[in-house]
Protein backbone atom coordinates (compact mmCIF):
# COMPACT_ATOMS: atom_id res chain seq x y z
CA UNK A 1 0.00 0.00 0.00
CA UNK A 2 2.85 2.36 0.83
CA UNK A 3 4.38 1.73 -2.59
CA UNK A 4 1.10 2.63 -4.26
CA UNK A 5 0.91 5.91 -2.35
CA UNK A 6 4.52 6.80 -3.21
CA UNK A 7 4.01 5.98 -6.88
CA UNK A 8 0.77 7.98 -6.99
CA UNK A 9 2.45 10.98 -5.37
CA UNK A 10 5.35 10.77 -7.82
CA UNK A 11 2.95 10.60 -10.74
CA UNK A 12 0.99 13.60 -9.55
CA UNK A 13 4.11 15.66 -8.95
CA UNK A 14 5.45 14.65 -12.35
CA UNK A 15 2.29 15.90 -14.01
CA UNK A 16 2.89 19.37 -12.59
CA UNK A 17 5.16 21.27 -14.92
CA UNK A 18 6.06 24.90 -15.26
CA UNK A 19 5.37 26.72 -18.53
CA UNK A 20 9.10 26.65 -19.22
CA UNK A 21 9.19 22.86 -18.79
CA UNK A 22 6.20 22.41 -21.09
CA UNK A 23 7.81 24.71 -23.67
CA UNK A 24 11.06 22.75 -23.48
CA UNK A 25 9.14 19.49 -23.91
CA UNK A 26 7.30 20.85 -26.97
CA UNK A 27 10.57 22.12 -28.42
CA UNK A 28 12.12 18.66 -27.97
CA UNK A 29 9.07 17.05 -29.63
CA UNK A 30 9.39 19.41 -32.59
CA UNK A 31 13.12 18.66 -32.88
CA UNK A 32 12.28 14.94 -33.00
CA UNK A 33 9.61 15.57 -35.65
CA UNK A 34 12.09 17.53 -37.76
CA UNK A 35 14.68 14.76 -37.40
CA UNK A 36 12.16 12.16 -38.59
CA UNK A 37 10.40 14.01 -41.43
CA UNK A 38 12.95 16.67 -42.43
CA UNK A 39 15.04 14.37 -44.65
CA UNK A 40 11.93 13.25 -46.57
CA UNK A 41 10.94 16.86 -47.20
CA UNK A 42 14.53 17.59 -48.31
CA UNK A 43 14.29 14.74 -50.83
CA UNK A 44 10.97 16.11 -52.04
CA UNK A 45 12.83 19.27 -53.04
CA UNK A 46 11.81 21.73 -50.35
CA UNK A 47 14.48 24.18 -49.20
CA UNK A 48 15.37 23.65 -45.55
CA UNK A 49 13.88 26.11 -43.07
CA UNK A 50 11.42 27.45 -45.65
CA UNK A 51 7.71 27.70 -44.94
CA UNK A 52 7.01 24.98 -47.51
CA UNK A 53 9.55 22.68 -45.80
CA UNK A 54 7.91 23.24 -42.42
CA UNK A 55 4.46 22.63 -43.91
CA UNK A 56 5.75 19.41 -45.46
CA UNK A 57 7.03 18.21 -42.07
CA UNK A 58 3.73 19.00 -40.38
CA UNK A 59 1.75 17.36 -43.18
CA UNK A 60 3.78 14.15 -43.08
CA UNK A 61 3.61 14.03 -39.29
CA UNK A 62 -0.16 14.57 -39.31
CA UNK A 63 -0.64 11.94 -41.99
CA UNK A 64 1.28 9.38 -39.95
CA UNK A 65 -0.67 10.23 -36.79
CA UNK A 66 -4.00 9.84 -38.58
CA UNK A 67 -2.90 6.51 -40.06
CA UNK A 68 -1.61 5.33 -36.69
CA UNK A 69 -4.37 6.55 -34.40
CA UNK A 70 -7.26 7.34 -36.71
CA UNK A 71 -9.26 10.51 -36.83
CA UNK A 72 -11.37 10.89 -33.69
CA UNK A 73 -14.42 12.09 -35.59
CA UNK A 74 -14.39 9.65 -38.47
CA UNK A 75 -13.65 5.96 -38.38
CA UNK A 76 -12.54 5.94 -34.76
CA UNK A 77 -14.48 4.54 -31.86
CA UNK A 78 -17.34 6.98 -32.46
CA UNK A 79 -17.17 7.01 -36.26
CA UNK A 80 -19.78 5.95 -38.80
CA UNK A 81 -19.25 2.27 -38.02
CA UNK A 82 -20.42 2.86 -34.47
CA UNK A 83 -23.57 4.74 -35.43
CA UNK A 84 -24.34 2.58 -38.45
CA UNK A 85 -23.65 5.40 -40.89
CA UNK A 86 -25.81 8.33 -41.78
CA UNK A 87 -27.92 10.02 -39.17
CA UNK A 88 -27.73 7.47 -36.32
CA UNK A 89 -28.10 4.58 -38.71
CA UNK A 90 -31.21 5.81 -40.50
CA UNK A 91 -29.45 6.84 -43.68
CA UNK A 92 -30.42 10.50 -43.17
CA UNK A 93 -30.21 12.60 -46.30
């Protein structure tokens, strides 16, 4: 029981982060995203650090996330398959 309390306290304290810590975490995530998708956008002919290059990175990242996790509003747990399609399964038009 003591272990559970200690782990719970550590988890709660770990969830608390300052704005600077959250910003640093987001910056690290973006650096990882650039490392993964940047070379592909380079090969597609976009000049590094251009707006088009950044858009390419975001587009490829978003595409992979949608393929991996699905879109929450369509095809996910609450998508058309759940409701039977259409307007709650009645084929509303």
